PDB file of all heavy atoms in Angstrom:
ATOM      1  N   THR A   1      13.537  -3.534  -4.617  1.00  0.00           N
ATOM      2  CA  THR A   1      12.174  -3.084  -4.883  1.00  0.00           C
ATOM      3  C   THR A   1      11.526  -2.609  -3.596  1.00  0.00           C
ATOM      4  O   THR A   1      11.562  -3.320  -2.582  1.00  0.00           O
ATOM      5  CB  THR A   1      11.320  -4.208  -5.489  1.00  0.00           C
ATOM      6  OG1 THR A   1      11.937  -4.690  -6.684  1.00  0.00           O
ATOM      7  CG2 THR A   1       9.918  -3.711  -5.822  1.00  0.00           C
ATOM      8  N   ALA A   2      10.947  -1.413  -3.631  1.00  0.00           N
ATOM      9  CA  ALA A   2      10.174  -0.896  -2.496  1.00  0.00           C
ATOM     10  C   ALA A   2       8.713  -0.819  -2.936  1.00  0.00           C
ATOM     11  O   ALA A   2       8.400  -0.205  -3.951  1.00  0.00           O
ATOM     12  CB  ALA A   2      10.673   0.482  -2.082  1.00  0.00           C
ATOM     13  N   GLU A   3       7.813  -1.461  -2.175  1.00  0.00           N
ATOM     14  CA  GLU A   3       6.399  -1.513  -2.525  1.00  0.00           C
ATOM     15  C   GLU A   3       5.550  -0.966  -1.386  1.00  0.00           C
ATOM     16  O   GLU A   3       5.903  -1.092  -0.199  1.00  0.00           O
ATOM     17  CB  GLU A   3       5.953  -2.949  -2.789  1.00  0.00           C
ATOM     18  CG  GLU A   3       6.573  -3.610  -3.995  1.00  0.00           C
ATOM     19  CD  GLU A   3       6.069  -5.028  -4.166  1.00  0.00           C
ATOM     20  OE1 GLU A   3       4.860  -5.223  -4.428  1.00  0.00           O
ATOM     21  OE2 GLU A   3       6.886  -5.959  -4.008  1.00  0.00           O
ATOM     22  N   VAL A   4       4.423  -0.366  -1.764  1.00  0.00           N
ATOM     23  CA  VAL A   4       3.445   0.124  -0.795  1.00  0.00           C
ATOM     24  C   VAL A   4       2.329  -0.905  -0.680  1.00  0.00           C
ATOM     25  O   VAL A   4       1.720  -1.292  -1.683  1.00  0.00           O
ATOM     26  CB  VAL A   4       2.862   1.481  -1.228  1.00  0.00           C
ATOM     27  CG1 VAL A   4       1.853   1.978  -0.197  1.00  0.00           C
ATOM     28  CG2 VAL A   4       3.979   2.503  -1.425  1.00  0.00           C
ATOM     29  N   PHE A   5       2.060  -1.352   0.557  1.00  0.00           N
ATOM     30  CA  PHE A   5       1.013  -2.322   0.819  1.00  0.00           C
ATOM     31  C   PHE A   5       0.028  -1.760   1.845  1.00  0.00           C
ATOM     32  O   PHE A   5       0.384  -0.897   2.657  1.00  0.00           O
ATOM     33  CB  PHE A   5       1.582  -3.619   1.422  1.00  0.00           C
ATOM     34  CG  PHE A   5       2.471  -4.403   0.503  1.00  0.00           C
ATOM     35  CD1 PHE A   5       3.836  -4.157   0.471  1.00  0.00           C
ATOM     36  CD2 PHE A   5       1.960  -5.388  -0.313  1.00  0.00           C
ATOM     37  CE1 PHE A   5       4.672  -4.880  -0.357  1.00  0.00           C
ATOM     38  CE2 PHE A   5       2.785  -6.133  -1.145  1.00  0.00           C
ATOM     39  CZ  PHE A   5       4.141  -5.876  -1.170  1.00  0.00           C
ATOM     40  N   THR A   6      -1.167  -2.291   1.834  1.00  0.00           N
ATOM     41  CA  THR A   6      -2.079  -2.072   2.954  1.00  0.00           C
ATOM     42  C   THR A   6      -1.662  -3.001   4.079  1.00  0.00           C
ATOM     43  O   THR A   6      -1.441  -4.201   3.859  1.00  0.00           O
ATOM     44  CB  THR A   6      -3.536  -2.369   2.544  1.00  0.00           C
ATOM     45  OG1 THR A   6      -3.918  -1.462   1.521  1.00  0.00           O
ATOM     46  CG2 THR A   6      -4.474  -2.215   3.726  1.00  0.00           C
ATOM     47  N   ASP A   7      -1.511  -2.464   5.279  1.00  0.00           N
ATOM     48  CA  ASP A   7      -1.094  -3.256   6.425  1.00  0.00           C
ATOM     49  C   ASP A   7      -2.170  -4.290   6.740  1.00  0.00           C
ATOM     50  O   ASP A   7      -3.293  -3.930   7.102  1.00  0.00           O
ATOM     51  CB  ASP A   7      -0.873  -2.343   7.628  1.00  0.00           C
ATOM     52  CG  ASP A   7      -0.220  -3.056   8.800  1.00  0.00           C
ATOM     53  OD1 ASP A   7      -0.310  -4.295   8.875  1.00  0.00           O
ATOM     54  OD2 ASP A   7       0.375  -2.367   9.648  1.00  0.00           O
ATOM     55  N   PRO A   8      -1.880  -5.594   6.607  1.00  0.00           N
ATOM     56  CA  PRO A   8      -2.916  -6.610   6.848  1.00  0.00           C
ATOM     57  C   PRO A   8      -3.381  -6.657   8.300  1.00  0.00           C
ATOM     58  O   PRO A   8      -4.478  -7.141   8.580  1.00  0.00           O
ATOM     59  CB  PRO A   8      -2.231  -7.921   6.444  1.00  0.00           C
ATOM     60  CG  PRO A   8      -0.770  -7.648   6.596  1.00  0.00           C
ATOM     61  CD  PRO A   8      -0.590  -6.204   6.248  1.00  0.00           C
ATOM     62  N   LEU A   9      -2.558  -6.122   9.217  1.00  0.00           N
ATOM     63  CA  LEU A   9      -2.926  -6.153  10.630  1.00  0.00           C
ATOM     64  C   LEU A   9      -3.707  -4.921  11.056  1.00  0.00           C
ATOM     65  O   LEU A   9      -4.418  -4.963  12.065  1.00  0.00           O
ATOM     66  CB  LEU A   9      -1.667  -6.286  11.493  1.00  0.00           C
ATOM     67  CG  LEU A   9      -0.814  -7.534  11.248  1.00  0.00           C
ATOM     68  CD1 LEU A   9       0.412  -7.519  12.156  1.00  0.00           C
ATOM     69  CD2 LEU A   9      -1.635  -8.806  11.465  1.00  0.00           C
ATOM     70  N   GLN A  10      -3.569  -3.832  10.291  1.00  0.00           N
ATOM     71  CA  GLN A  10      -4.236  -2.587  10.662  1.00  0.00           C
ATOM     72  C   GLN A  10      -4.776  -1.845   9.438  1.00  0.00           C
ATOM     73  O   GLN A  10      -4.439  -0.696   9.197  1.00  0.00           O
ATOM     74  CB  GLN A  10      -3.266  -1.668  11.425  1.00  0.00           C
ATOM     75  CG  GLN A  10      -2.810  -2.201  12.769  1.00  0.00           C
ATOM     76  CD  GLN A  10      -1.859  -1.233  13.452  1.00  0.00           C
ATOM     77  OE1 GLN A  10      -0.886  -0.778  12.870  1.00  0.00           O
ATOM     78  NE2 GLN A  10      -2.162  -0.894  14.691  1.00  0.00           N
ATOM     79  N   PRO A  11      -5.606  -2.508   8.639  1.00  0.00           N
ATOM     80  CA  PRO A  11      -6.141  -1.795   7.485  1.00  0.00           C
ATOM     81  C   PRO A  11      -7.022  -0.631   7.944  1.00  0.00           C
ATOM     82  O   PRO A  11      -7.647  -0.727   9.007  1.00  0.00           O
ATOM     83  CB  PRO A  11      -6.974  -2.877   6.774  1.00  0.00           C
ATOM     84  CG  PRO A  11      -7.319  -3.865   7.847  1.00  0.00           C
ATOM     85  CD  PRO A  11      -6.167  -3.859   8.792  1.00  0.00           C
ATOM     86  N   PRO A  12      -7.031   0.516   7.222  1.00  0.00           N
ATOM     87  CA  PRO A  12      -6.385   0.767   5.919  1.00  0.00           C
ATOM     88  C   PRO A  12      -4.983   1.364   6.024  1.00  0.00           C
ATOM     89  O   PRO A  12      -4.505   1.958   5.069  1.00  0.00           O
ATOM     90  CB  PRO A  12      -7.350   1.761   5.286  1.00  0.00           C
ATOM     91  CG  PRO A  12      -7.788   2.605   6.447  1.00  0.00           C
ATOM     92  CD  PRO A  12      -7.907   1.648   7.606  1.00  0.00           C
ATOM     93  N   ALA A  13      -4.334   1.248   7.201  1.00  0.00           N
ATOM     94  CA  ALA A  13      -2.971   1.758   7.350  1.00  0.00           C
ATOM     95  C   ALA A  13      -2.057   1.114   6.299  1.00  0.00           C
ATOM     96  O   ALA A  13      -2.336   0.010   5.804  1.00  0.00           O
ATOM     97  CB  ALA A  13      -2.444   1.500   8.745  1.00  0.00           C
ATOM     98  N   GLN A  14      -0.972   1.814   5.987  1.00  0.00           N
ATOM     99  CA  GLN A  14      -0.072   1.346   4.938  1.00  0.00           C
ATOM    100  C   GLN A  14       1.306   1.013   5.487  1.00  0.00           C
ATOM    101  O   GLN A  14       1.721   1.532   6.526  1.00  0.00           O
ATOM    102  CB  GLN A  14       0.062   2.417   3.844  1.00  0.00           C
ATOM    103  CG  GLN A  14      -1.235   2.733   3.132  1.00  0.00           C
ATOM    104  CD  GLN A  14      -1.074   3.852   2.125  1.00  0.00           C
ATOM    105  OE1 GLN A  14      -0.627   4.946   2.460  1.00  0.00           O
ATOM    106  NE2 GLN A  14      -1.415   3.596   0.880  1.00  0.00           N
ATOM    107  N   ILE A  15       1.995   0.139   4.781  1.00  0.00           N
ATOM    108  CA  ILE A  15       3.387  -0.166   5.083  1.00  0.00           C
ATOM    109  C   ILE A  15       4.180  -0.110   3.779  1.00  0.00           C
ATOM    110  O   ILE A  15       3.622  -0.223   2.689  1.00  0.00           O
ATOM    111  CB  ILE A  15       3.568  -1.552   5.741  1.00  0.00           C
ATOM    112  CG1 ILE A  15       3.002  -2.651   4.829  1.00  0.00           C
ATOM    113  CG2 ILE A  15       2.917  -1.596   7.115  1.00  0.00           C
ATOM    114  CD1 ILE A  15       3.266  -4.051   5.351  1.00  0.00           C
ATOM    115  N   VAL A  16       5.479   0.097   3.913  1.00  0.00           N
ATOM    116  CA  VAL A  16       6.384   0.028   2.775  1.00  0.00           C
ATOM    117  C   VAL A  16       7.370  -1.095   3.035  1.00  0.00           C
ATOM    118  O   VAL A  16       8.004  -1.142   4.096  1.00  0.00           O
ATOM    119  CB  VAL A  16       7.129   1.355   2.561  1.00  0.00           C
ATOM    120  CG1 VAL A  16       8.152   1.216   1.424  1.00  0.00           C
ATOM    121  CG2 VAL A  16       6.151   2.485   2.242  1.00  0.00           C
ATOM    122  N   GLN A  17       7.464  -2.011   2.084  1.00  0.00           N
ATOM    123  CA  GLN A  17       8.390  -3.123   2.195  1.00  0.00           C
ATOM    124  C   GLN A  17       9.472  -3.013   1.136  1.00  0.00           C
ATOM    125  O   GLN A  17       9.200  -2.623  -0.002  1.00  0.00           O
ATOM    126  CB  GLN A  17       7.666  -4.465   2.028  1.00  0.00           C
ATOM    127  CG  GLN A  17       6.816  -4.865   3.217  1.00  0.00           C
ATOM    128  CD  GLN A  17       6.228  -6.256   3.058  1.00  0.00           C
ATOM    129  OE1 GLN A  17       6.306  -6.870   1.996  1.00  0.00           O
ATOM    130  NE2 GLN A  17       5.639  -6.763   4.122  1.00  0.00           N
ATOM    131  N   VAL A  18      10.684  -3.364   1.524  1.00  0.00           N
ATOM    132  CA  VAL A  18      11.808  -3.397   0.593  1.00  0.00           C
ATOM    133  C   VAL A  18      12.239  -4.848   0.442  1.00  0.00           C
ATOM    134  O   VAL A  18      12.424  -5.565   1.443  1.00  0.00           O
ATOM    135  CB  VAL A  18      12.985  -2.536   1.097  1.00  0.00           C
ATOM    136  CG1 VAL A  18      14.169  -2.638   0.131  1.00  0.00           C
ATOM    137  CG2 VAL A  18      12.548  -1.089   1.263  1.00  0.00           C
ATOM    138  N   SER A  19      12.379  -5.293  -0.792  1.00  0.00           N
ATOM    139  CA  SER A  19      12.806  -6.664  -1.044  1.00  0.00           C
ATOM    140  C   SER A  19      13.991  -6.683  -1.995  1.00  0.00           C
ATOM    141  O   SER A  19      14.182  -5.769  -2.812  1.00  0.00           O
ATOM    142  CB  SER A  19      11.654  -7.495  -1.631  1.00  0.00           C
ATOM    143  OG  SER A  19      11.190  -6.927  -2.843  1.00  0.00           O
ATOM    144  N   HIS A  20      14.791  -7.721  -1.875  1.00  0.00           N
ATOM    145  CA  HIS A  20      15.945  -7.917  -2.753  1.00  0.00           C
ATOM    146  C   HIS A  20      15.989  -9.383  -3.138  1.00  0.00           C
ATOM    147  O   HIS A  20      15.927 -10.261  -2.272  1.00  0.00           O
ATOM    148  CB  HIS A  20      17.244  -7.527  -2.039  1.00  0.00           C
ATOM    149  CG  HIS A  20      18.469  -7.695  -2.885  1.00  0.00           C
ATOM    150  ND1 HIS A  20      19.406  -8.675  -2.662  1.00  0.00           N
ATOM    151  CD2 HIS A  20      18.899  -7.003  -3.989  1.00  0.00           C
ATOM    152  CE1 HIS A  20      20.369  -8.583  -3.551  1.00  0.00           C
ATOM    153  NE2 HIS A  20      20.085  -7.577  -4.370  1.00  0.00           N
ATOM    154  N   ALA A  21      16.054  -9.624  -4.443  1.00  0.00           N
ATOM    155  CA  ALA A  21      16.064 -10.997  -4.957  1.00  0.00           C
ATOM    156  C   ALA A  21      14.877 -11.792  -4.423  1.00  0.00           C
ATOM    157  O   ALA A  21      15.001 -12.975  -4.098  1.00  0.00           O
ATOM    158  CB  ALA A  21      17.381 -11.686  -4.600  1.00  0.00           C
ATOM    159  N   GLY A  22      13.735 -11.137  -4.308  1.00  0.00           N
ATOM    160  CA  GLY A  22      12.517 -11.809  -3.884  1.00  0.00           C
ATOM    161  C   GLY A  22      12.359 -11.977  -2.393  1.00  0.00           C
ATOM    162  O   GLY A  22      11.341 -12.501  -1.925  1.00  0.00           O
ATOM    163  N   GLU A  23      13.338 -11.521  -1.608  1.00  0.00           N
ATOM    164  CA  GLU A  23      13.283 -11.665  -0.147  1.00  0.00           C
ATOM    165  C   GLU A  23      13.051 -10.304   0.504  1.00  0.00           C
ATOM    166  O   GLU A  23      13.743  -9.329   0.208  1.00  0.00           O
ATOM    167  CB  GLU A  23      14.591 -12.256   0.375  1.00  0.00           C
ATOM    168  CG  GLU A  23      14.634 -12.406   1.887  1.00  0.00           C
ATOM    169  CD  GLU A  23      15.970 -12.919   2.389  1.00  0.00           C
ATOM    170  OE1 GLU A  23      16.823 -13.269   1.547  1.00  0.00           O
ATOM    171  OE2 GLU A  23      16.154 -12.963   3.624  1.00  0.00           O
ATOM    172  N   VAL A  24      12.054 -10.227   1.397  1.00  0.00           N
ATOM    173  CA  VAL A  24      11.785  -8.981   2.102  1.00  0.00           C
ATOM    174  C   VAL A  24      12.903  -8.734   3.105  1.00  0.00           C
ATOM    175  O   VAL A  24      13.184  -9.570   3.966  1.00  0.00           O
ATOM    176  CB  VAL A  24      10.427  -9.031   2.822  1.00  0.00           C
ATOM    177  CG1 VAL A  24      10.209  -7.758   3.644  1.00  0.00           C
ATOM    178  CG2 VAL A  24       9.295  -9.189   1.811  1.00  0.00           C
ATOM    179  N   ILE A  25      13.558  -7.565   2.990  1.00  0.00           N
ATOM    180  CA  ILE A  25      14.671  -7.243   3.881  1.00  0.00           C
ATOM    181  C   ILE A  25      14.340  -6.094   4.819  1.00  0.00           C
ATOM    182  O   ILE A  25      15.108  -5.800   5.741  1.00  0.00           O
ATOM    183  CB  ILE A  25      15.948  -6.924   3.090  1.00  0.00           C
ATOM    184  CG1 ILE A  25      15.743  -5.687   2.196  1.00  0.00           C
ATOM    185  CG2 ILE A  25      16.389  -8.131   2.270  1.00  0.00           C
ATOM    186  CD1 ILE A  25      17.014  -5.207   1.506  1.00  0.00           C
ATOM    187  N   PHE A  26      13.174  -5.449   4.606  1.00  0.00           N
ATOM    188  CA  PHE A  26      12.840  -4.294   5.438  1.00  0.00           C
ATOM    189  C   PHE A  26      11.358  -3.992   5.302  1.00  0.00           C
ATOM    190  O   PHE A  26      10.762  -4.177   4.243  1.00  0.00           O
ATOM    191  CB  PHE A  26      13.648  -3.067   4.992  1.00  0.00           C
ATOM    192  CG  PHE A  26      13.292  -1.798   5.728  1.00  0.00           C
ATOM    193  CD1 PHE A  26      13.777  -1.560   7.003  1.00  0.00           C
ATOM    194  CD2 PHE A  26      12.450  -0.854   5.155  1.00  0.00           C
ATOM    195  CE1 PHE A  26      13.444  -0.403   7.686  1.00  0.00           C
ATOM    196  CE2 PHE A  26      12.115   0.297   5.822  1.00  0.00           C
ATOM    197  CZ  PHE A  26      12.615   0.524   7.098  1.00  0.00           C
ATOM    198  N   SER A  27      10.763  -3.499   6.404  1.00  0.00           N
ATOM    199  CA  SER A  27       9.367  -3.077   6.390  1.00  0.00           C
ATOM    200  C   SER A  27       9.192  -1.945   7.392  1.00  0.00           C
ATOM    201  O   SER A  27       9.786  -1.965   8.473  1.00  0.00           O
ATOM    202  CB  SER A  27       8.443  -4.251   6.751  1.00  0.00           C
ATOM    203  OG  SER A  27       7.091  -3.849   6.732  1.00  0.00           O
ATOM    204  N   ALA A  28       8.394  -0.932   7.019  1.00  0.00           N
ATOM    205  CA  ALA A  28       8.157   0.198   7.915  1.00  0.00           C
ATOM    206  C   ALA A  28       6.736   0.697   7.734  1.00  0.00           C
ATOM    207  O   ALA A  28       6.170   0.646   6.634  1.00  0.00           O
ATOM    208  CB  ALA A  28       9.142   1.333   7.633  1.00  0.00           C
ATOM    209  N   SER A  29       6.163   1.204   8.817  1.00  0.00           N
ATOM    210  CA  SER A  29       4.829   1.776   8.760  1.00  0.00           C
ATOM    211  C   SER A  29       4.854   3.099   8.014  1.00  0.00           C
ATOM    212  O   SER A  29       5.778   3.890   8.155  1.00  0.00           O
ATOM    213  CB  SER A  29       4.292   1.995  10.180  1.00  0.00           C
ATOM    214  OG  SER A  29       3.087   2.734  10.145  1.00  0.00           O
ATOM    215  N   ALA A  30       3.800   3.324   7.214  1.00  0.00           N
ATOM    216  CA  ALA A  30       3.654   4.595   6.508  1.00  0.00           C
ATOM    217  C   ALA A  30       2.390   5.326   6.949  1.00  0.00           C
ATOM    218  O   ALA A  30       2.010   6.314   6.324  1.00  0.00           O
ATOM    219  CB  ALA A  30       3.633   4.366   5.004  1.00  0.00           C
ATOM    220  N   GLY A  31       1.748   4.859   8.000  1.00  0.00           N
ATOM    221  CA  GLY A  31       0.582   5.554   8.524  1.00  0.00           C
ATOM    222  C   GLY A  31      -0.651   5.354   7.664  1.00  0.00           C
ATOM    223  O   GLY A  31      -0.767   4.386   6.903  1.00  0.00           O
ATOM    224  N   MET A  32      -1.564   6.304   7.746  1.00  0.00           N
ATOM    225  CA  MET A  32      -2.849   6.192   7.082  1.00  0.00           C
ATOM    226  C   MET A  32      -2.756   6.695   5.633  1.00  0.00           C
ATOM    227  O   MET A  32      -1.910   7.516   5.300  1.00  0.00           O
ATOM    228  CB  MET A  32      -3.899   6.998   7.835  1.00  0.00           C
ATOM    229  CG  MET A  32      -4.093   6.533   9.272  1.00  0.00           C
ATOM    230  SD  MET A  32      -4.573   4.791   9.372  1.00  0.00           S
ATOM    231  CE  MET A  32      -6.208   4.850   8.636  1.00  0.00           C
ATOM    232  N   PRO A  33      -3.642   6.212   4.754  1.00  0.00           N
ATOM    233  CA  PRO A  33      -3.670   6.706   3.376  1.00  0.00           C
ATOM    234  C   PRO A  33      -3.916   8.204   3.345  1.00  0.00           C
ATOM    235  O   PRO A  33      -4.628   8.752   4.188  1.00  0.00           O
ATOM    236  CB  PRO A  33      -4.839   5.933   2.748  1.00  0.00           C
ATOM    237  CG  PRO A  33      -4.993   4.712   3.581  1.00  0.00           C
ATOM    238  CD  PRO A  33      -4.627   5.133   4.977  1.00  0.00           C
ATOM    239  N   SER A  34      -3.300   8.865   2.374  1.00  0.00           N
ATOM    240  CA  SER A  34      -3.439  10.311   2.212  1.00  0.00           C
ATOM    241  C   SER A  34      -3.301  10.623   0.727  1.00  0.00           C
ATOM    242  O   SER A  34      -2.983   9.733  -0.067  1.00  0.00           O
ATOM    243  CB  SER A  34      -2.367  11.041   3.022  1.00  0.00           C
ATOM    244  OG  SER A  34      -1.102  10.926   2.388  1.00  0.00           O
TER     245      SER A  34
END
């Protein structure tokens, strides 16, 4: 599962997290909302 979140450290910037079996295995910055 890949989800788009608001970065809690730099709102309103966004991050994308990838999880497998409920465990986050990857996260990357997606910059500002557009």
